[in-house]
Amino acid sequence: MITGKEERPKVVTDLPGPEGKRIIAEDEKYLATTTKAIPAVVKEAKGIVFEDVDGNKFFDFASGIGVINTGHCHPTIVNAIREQAEKVIHFAGTDFYYDIQVRLAKRLTEITPGSFEKKVYYGNSGAEAVEAAVKLARWSTKRKFILAFMGAFHGRTMGALGLTASKIIHKQNFFPWMPGVVHAPYPNPYRNVFGIDGYDEPEELVGRVMGYIEEMFKRYVPPDEVAAIFVESLQGEGGYIVPPPTFLKELRKLADEYGIILVDDEIQSG
């Protein structure tokens, strides 16, 4: 049990413990998944600490894959969920109007940067949001091509998979992917295709990447047929890569020059 009083990691069994092994065996038997790699079976969590089914306690440095920014089971959030569940658990927001949806959307537009009109789209996952962004970009521009970057992860559904280029295992045996997607090098300061030390020469690295894109536009991707550029401002699965500071500014200039929509996928960096 987690008391919340200066809880610290504590291991009392082999990992995984006997109950954990039993549940993992049943998981492997009944669940269709290829993603689990950490043999921890969570029982409860509070703050930064989670306890497994065998009584072992750990710090959650993954923060629920980056979505538990207030810690697990923060009392304010728990109370808000409880209060809402006592009123309405689910309503079809695509068919009916609901005040909470509107209020949340309004608040999100207020706290996000930029002095322009904004709208909110609610999605169930990152891949779904990417798919919606692709559709919106192609529909609104009437253009065909999408530009993404090597090392990118935008999801594993069939449309988003076309943009993803982080690991070949994601794409193996799923060809043909979504047509019209091209990839450019990402300005990884440490490992990049140009052999440049991006820490010593960040502007040179950014210049090479932008030059590569311009060369694509000259040779085989007409810029007036590019609907959107999808980019992770900080690459996630590609290696948690921080590009040089001027990269996004230069990308913004390029997109504006050719009337291309710039989509910043912050699903992992948030």
Protein backbone atom coordinates (compact mmCIF):
# COMPACT_ATOMS: atom_id res chain seq x y z
CA MET A 1 0.00 0.00 0.00
CA ILE A 2 1.20 3.51 -0.83
CA THR A 3 0.84 5.86 2.14
CA GLY A 4 2.24 8.96 0.44
CA LYS A 5 4.64 9.65 3.35
CA GLU A 6 8.12 9.93 1.86
CA GLU A 7 7.67 6.74 -0.14
CA ARG A 8 10.85 5.31 -1.62
CA PRO A 9 11.63 2.46 -3.99
CA LYS A 10 11.64 -0.90 -2.24
CA VAL A 11 12.09 -4.33 -3.80
CA VAL A 12 10.82 -7.27 -1.72
CA THR A 13 10.65 -10.05 -4.36
CA ASP A 14 12.39 -11.18 -7.49
CA LEU A 15 11.29 -9.13 -10.50
CA PRO A 16 8.73 -9.86 -11.61
CA GLY A 17 7.31 -11.42 -8.46
CA PRO A 18 5.08 -14.53 -8.41
CA GLU A 19 1.80 -12.65 -8.89
CA GLY A 20 3.40 -10.49 -11.55
CA LYS A 21 4.57 -13.57 -13.45
CA ARG A 22 1.06 -15.03 -13.35
CA ILE A 23 -0.53 -11.87 -14.75
CA ILE A 24 2.16 -11.44 -17.41
CA ALA A 25 1.55 -15.02 -18.57
CA GLU A 26 -2.18 -14.31 -18.87
CA ASP A 27 -1.46 -11.03 -20.66
CA GLU A 28 0.64 -12.88 -23.23
CA LYS A 29 -2.12 -15.44 -23.67
CA TYR A 30 -5.12 -13.13 -24.02
CA LEU A 31 -3.92 -9.70 -25.24
CA ALA A 32 -2.85 -8.95 -28.80
CA THR A 33 0.09 -6.61 -28.32
CA THR A 34 3.69 -6.18 -29.40
CA THR A 35 4.64 -3.25 -27.22
CA LYS A 36 5.20 -4.40 -23.63
CA ALA A 37 8.86 -4.62 -22.63
CA ILE A 38 8.96 -3.79 -18.91
CA PRO A 39 7.93 -6.68 -16.61
CA ALA A 40 6.13 -4.49 -14.06
CA VAL A 41 2.49 -5.15 -13.15
CA VAL A 42 1.06 -2.02 -11.56
CA LYS A 43 -1.34 -2.25 -8.63
CA GLU A 44 -1.61 1.39 -7.56
CA ALA A 45 0.25 4.67 -7.90
CA LYS A 46 0.39 8.01 -6.12
CA GLY A 47 2.62 10.94 -6.91
CA ILE A 48 5.85 9.61 -8.39
CA VAL A 49 5.60 6.16 -6.74
CA PHE A 50 3.89 3.06 -8.09
CA GLU A 51 3.52 -0.30 -6.40
CA ASP A 52 3.31 -3.60 -8.23
CA VAL A 53 1.08 -6.56 -7.40
CA ASP A 54 3.84 -8.17 -5.30
CA GLY A 55 4.45 -5.16 -3.07
CA ASN A 56 7.53 -3.78 -4.83
CA LYS A 57 7.68 0.01 -5.07
CA PHE A 58 9.30 2.11 -7.78
CA PHE A 59 9.70 5.70 -8.91
CA ASP A 60 7.87 6.32 -12.20
CA PHE A 61 10.40 8.36 -14.15
CA ALA A 62 8.38 7.70 -17.33
CA SER A 63 5.52 9.78 -15.91
CA GLY A 64 2.97 7.52 -17.57
CA ILE A 65 4.77 8.11 -20.89
CA GLY A 66 4.79 11.83 -20.27
CA VAL A 67 1.12 12.42 -19.45
CA ILE A 68 1.13 12.33 -15.63
CA ASN A 69 2.68 15.75 -15.18
CA THR A 70 0.88 16.30 -11.87
CA GLY A 71 1.81 12.87 -10.52
CA HIS A 72 -0.38 9.81 -10.20
CA CYS A 73 -3.81 10.24 -8.60
CA HIS A 74 -3.49 13.93 -7.79
CA PRO A 75 -6.46 14.59 -5.44
CA THR A 76 -7.73 17.58 -7.44
CA ILE A 77 -7.83 15.53 -10.63
CA VAL A 78 -9.34 12.50 -8.89
CA ASN A 79 -12.11 14.67 -7.43
CA ALA A 80 -12.81 16.26 -10.82
CA ILE A 81 -13.10 12.81 -12.44
CA ARG A 82 -15.38 11.61 -9.64
CA GLU A 83 -17.64 14.65 -9.88
CA GLN A 84 -17.95 14.33 -13.65
CA ALA A 85 -18.63 10.57 -13.49
CA GLU A 86 -21.56 11.28 -11.19
CA LYS A 87 -23.05 13.61 -13.82
CA VAL A 88 -22.21 12.24 -17.28
CA ILE A 89 -19.67 9.53 -18.09
CA HIS A 90 -19.93 9.76 -21.86
CA PHE A 91 -21.84 11.73 -24.44
CA ALA A 92 -21.33 11.78 -28.21
CA GLY A 93 -19.59 15.12 -28.58
CA THR A 94 -19.67 14.80 -32.37
CA ASP A 95 -23.48 14.65 -32.33
CA PHE A 96 -24.46 16.77 -29.31
CA TYR A 97 -23.18 19.93 -27.65
CA TYR A 98 -21.69 19.78 -24.17
CA ASP A 99 -20.51 22.69 -22.03
CA ILE A 100 -17.35 21.07 -20.66
CA GLN A 101 -16.05 20.37 -24.15
CA VAL A 102 -16.48 24.01 -25.08
CA ARG A 103 -14.89 25.33 -21.89
CA LEU A 104 -11.86 23.08 -22.26
CA ALA A 105 -11.41 24.05 -25.90
CA LYS A 106 -11.64 27.73 -25.01
CA ARG A 107 -9.03 27.32 -22.27
CA LEU A 108 -6.67 25.46 -24.60
CA THR A 109 -6.86 28.26 -27.16
CA GLU A 110 -6.08 30.77 -24.43
CA ILE A 111 -2.94 29.07 -23.15
CA THR A 112 -1.39 28.02 -26.46
CA PRO A 113 1.04 30.53 -28.04
CA GLY A 114 0.19 32.73 -31.00
CA SER A 115 -2.13 35.66 -31.64
CA PHE A 116 -4.35 34.07 -34.27
CA GLU A 117 -7.71 32.31 -34.32
CA LYS A 118 -7.52 28.74 -33.05
CA LYS A 119 -9.77 25.71 -32.94
CA VAL A 120 -9.49 22.46 -31.00
CA TYR A 121 -9.91 18.92 -32.32
CA TYR A 122 -10.43 16.18 -29.74
CA GLY A 123 -8.79 12.86 -30.60
CA ASN A 124 -8.33 9.51 -28.89
CA SER A 125 -4.64 9.11 -29.68
CA GLY A 126 -1.62 10.72 -31.25
CA ALA A 127 -1.93 8.65 -34.42
CA GLU A 128 -5.56 9.71 -34.79
CA ALA A 129 -4.57 13.37 -34.43
CA VAL A 130 -1.91 12.93 -37.12
CA GLU A 131 -4.37 11.23 -39.47
CA ALA A 132 -6.81 14.10 -38.95
CA ALA A 133 -4.07 16.67 -39.61
CA VAL A 134 -3.11 14.94 -42.86
CA LYS A 135 -6.73 14.96 -44.02
CA LEU A 136 -7.18 18.60 -43.03
CA ALA A 137 -3.98 19.67 -44.80
CA ARG A 138 -4.83 17.88 -48.02
CA TRP A 139 -8.45 19.01 -47.99
CA SER A 140 -7.72 22.67 -47.26
CA THR A 141 -4.81 23.07 -49.70
CA LYS A 142 -5.99 20.64 -52.39
CA ARG A 143 -2.35 19.49 -52.56
CA LYS A 144 -0.99 15.95 -52.51
CA PHE A 145 2.49 15.71 -50.97
CA ILE A 146 3.42 15.51 -47.28
CA LEU A 147 6.98 16.19 -46.11
CA ALA A 148 8.23 14.48 -42.94
CA PHE A 149 11.66 13.79 -41.47
CA MET A 150 13.97 10.81 -41.05
CA GLY A 151 13.77 9.50 -37.51
CA ALA A 152 10.19 10.73 -37.13
CA PHE A 153 7.51 8.91 -35.19
CA HIS A 154 3.97 10.03 -35.98
CA GLY A 155 2.06 6.82 -35.24
CA ARG A 156 1.48 3.29 -36.53
CA THR A 157 -1.95 3.48 -38.16
CA MET A 158 -1.70 3.14 -41.94
CA GLY A 159 -1.77 6.84 -42.75
CA ALA A 160 0.47 7.96 -39.90
CA LEU A 161 2.79 5.02 -40.61
CA GLY A 162 3.64 6.60 -43.94
CA LEU A 163 5.11 9.58 -42.06
CA THR A 164 6.90 7.49 -39.42
CA ALA A 165 10.56 6.79 -40.18
CA SER A 166 12.16 5.89 -36.85
CA LYS A 167 12.51 2.09 -37.00
CA ILE A 168 12.06 -0.23 -39.96
CA ILE A 169 10.22 -2.75 -37.77
CA HIS A 170 7.22 -0.39 -37.70
CA LYS A 171 6.92 -0.45 -41.50
CA GLN A 172 8.09 -3.94 -42.39
CA ASN A 173 5.50 -5.98 -44.34
CA PHE A 174 3.00 -3.09 -44.43
CA PHE A 175 3.85 -1.68 -47.87
CA PRO A 176 2.29 0.13 -49.70
CA TRP A 177 2.26 2.96 -47.19
CA MET A 178 0.30 6.17 -47.67
CA PRO A 179 1.42 7.61 -51.03
CA GLY A 180 2.76 11.12 -51.48
CA VAL A 181 5.03 11.18 -48.41
CA VAL A 182 8.69 12.19 -48.71
CA HIS A 183 11.34 12.44 -46.00
CA ALA A 184 14.19 14.86 -45.40
CA PRO A 185 17.06 14.52 -42.89
CA TYR A 186 16.38 15.79 -39.38
CA PRO A 187 19.08 18.11 -37.97
CA ASN A 188 20.40 15.73 -35.35
CA PRO A 189 23.41 17.57 -33.90
CA TYR A 190 25.12 14.35 -32.81
CA ARG A 191 24.35 11.89 -35.63
CA ASN A 192 23.31 13.34 -38.98
CA VAL A 193 23.69 12.25 -42.60
CA PHE A 194 25.98 15.20 -43.36
CA GLY A 195 28.73 14.25 -40.89
CA ILE A 196 28.56 17.69 -39.26
CA ASP A 197 29.11 18.35 -35.56
CA GLY A 198 25.85 20.18 -34.99
CA TYR A 199 26.92 21.37 -31.56
CA ASP A 200 29.94 23.21 -32.96
CA GLU A 201 28.28 24.21 -36.24
CA PRO A 202 24.50 24.41 -35.65
CA GLU A 203 23.87 26.95 -38.43
CA GLU A 204 25.79 24.83 -40.93
CA LEU A 205 23.66 21.82 -40.02
CA VAL A 206 20.39 23.72 -40.35
CA GLY A 207 21.56 25.18 -43.65
CA ARG A 208 22.32 21.72 -45.02
CA VAL A 209 18.88 20.42 -44.04
CA MET A 210 17.08 23.39 -45.57
CA GLY A 211 19.24 23.08 -48.68
CA TYR A 212 18.30 19.40 -48.95
CA ILE A 213 14.60 20.30 -48.85
CA GLU A 214 15.06 23.01 -51.48
CA GLU A 215 16.86 20.48 -53.68
CA MET A 216 13.90 18.11 -53.30
CA PHE A 217 11.61 20.94 -54.37
CA LYS A 218 13.73 21.55 -57.48
CA ARG A 219 14.08 17.93 -58.57
CA TYR A 220 11.05 15.78 -57.71
CA VAL A 221 8.59 17.37 -55.25
CA PRO A 222 6.90 20.51 -56.64
CA PRO A 223 6.56 22.85 -53.64
CA ASP A 224 3.20 24.12 -54.88
CA GLU A 225 1.92 20.55 -54.52
CA VAL A 226 3.12 20.08 -50.92
CA ALA A 227 0.18 20.24 -48.50
CA ALA A 228 2.06 20.08 -45.20
CA ILE A 229 5.36 19.64 -43.44
CA PHE A 230 5.11 17.39 -40.37
CA VAL A 231 7.86 17.87 -37.81
CA GLU A 232 8.56 16.98 -34.20
CA SER A 233 10.04 20.06 -32.57
CA LEU A 234 11.89 17.57 -30.36
CA GLN A 235 12.12 14.11 -31.90
CA GLY A 236 10.82 11.46 -29.53
CA GLU A 237 11.30 7.85 -30.54
CA GLY A 238 13.96 8.94 -33.01
CA GLY A 239 16.27 9.45 -30.02
CA TYR A 240 14.99 12.44 -27.99
CA ILE A 241 16.81 14.80 -30.30
CA VAL A 242 16.95 18.55 -29.74
CA PRO A 243 17.61 20.34 -33.04
CA PRO A 244 19.54 23.62 -33.32
CA PRO A 245 17.48 26.62 -32.12
CA THR A 246 17.04 28.15 -35.59
CA PHE A 247 15.67 25.01 -37.25
CA LEU A 248 11.97 25.59 -36.62
CA LYS A 249 12.26 29.27 -37.53
CA GLU A 250 13.81 28.37 -40.88
CA LEU A 251 11.19 25.70 -41.44
CA ARG A 252 8.47 28.26 -40.71
CA LYS A 253 9.96 30.64 -43.29
CA LEU A 254 10.12 27.86 -45.89
CA ALA A 255 6.52 26.83 -45.26
CA ASP A 256 5.30 30.42 -45.51
CA GLU A 257 7.25 31.01 -48.72
CA TYR A 258 5.51 28.14 -50.49
CA GLY A 259 2.12 28.31 -48.77
CA ILE A 260 2.67 24.99 -46.99
CA ILE A 261 0.96 24.11 -43.71
CA LEU A 262 3.47 23.46 -40.91
CA VAL A 263 2.30 20.77 -38.47
CA ASP A 264 4.24 20.56 -35.20
CA ASP A 265 3.70 17.10 -33.72
CA GLU A 266 4.23 17.62 -29.98
CA ILE A 267 2.45 14.43 -28.95
CA GLN A 268 5.51 13.13 -27.10
CA SER A 269 7.18 16.41 -26.16
CA GLY A 270 3.82 17.93 -25.17
